[in-house]
Amino acid sequence: MNRHATSVPDIRVREQRLPHGGRLFSVTLSDGTLISIDMEPGSATRGLSITPPGSDTASARVAFRDQEATVVAAILSGMRFVVEGYEEYGDHAVHAVNLRTVTIGPASPAVGRRLAELEGPAPGEAEVIGVIREETPDLIERDPSLTCQPGDRLVVVGRPGVMTAMVRYLLG
């Protein structure tokens, strides 16, 4: 047995479909704190609430616009992002990359196309890197020959200036 092995917590994200078509994601942290994120279809905001251990009531609730949610997610995940207003970075400023998921419907131009064939309005600036599907055990399906279907959640990465155009394109 390796004495240097560390224990990795098994973090489970619970997902609930809400009656009005939205989704609620919940994660319980190791100290018992509950983090909940709600997403409404067609809404440009994400709600985040924090419920302390042993409580039934959220102690904090924040609504993020899409771009704010993307930046906070990038910071938490350790992604690189543009830091504005810090001259000490000089020529070494970090270039922005945003990450989003987009649920496609039947009218999406992605439906019936393989991942490798998807090219949005700004090739090289934003791209689909995978698919999240309910029925697959993998977190993200990355097979370039995978054909997109209505209901797929496409994982998109791109520069901030082109993400809105890419999302609009994928939604159809």
Foldseek 3Di string as FASTA:
>chain_A
DDPPDDDDDDWDWDWDQDPQGKIKIWTQDPQRKIWIWIDDPPAQKIKIFIDHHPDPDTPDIDIGGNVRVQVVVCVVVVHAAFDPPDCVCPPVTTAHKTKDKAQEAPPFPQAFPFQLPDDFPDRPFKGFQFWADPPDPDRTHRPRRDRDHHGIITIMMGGPVCPVRRNVNRRD
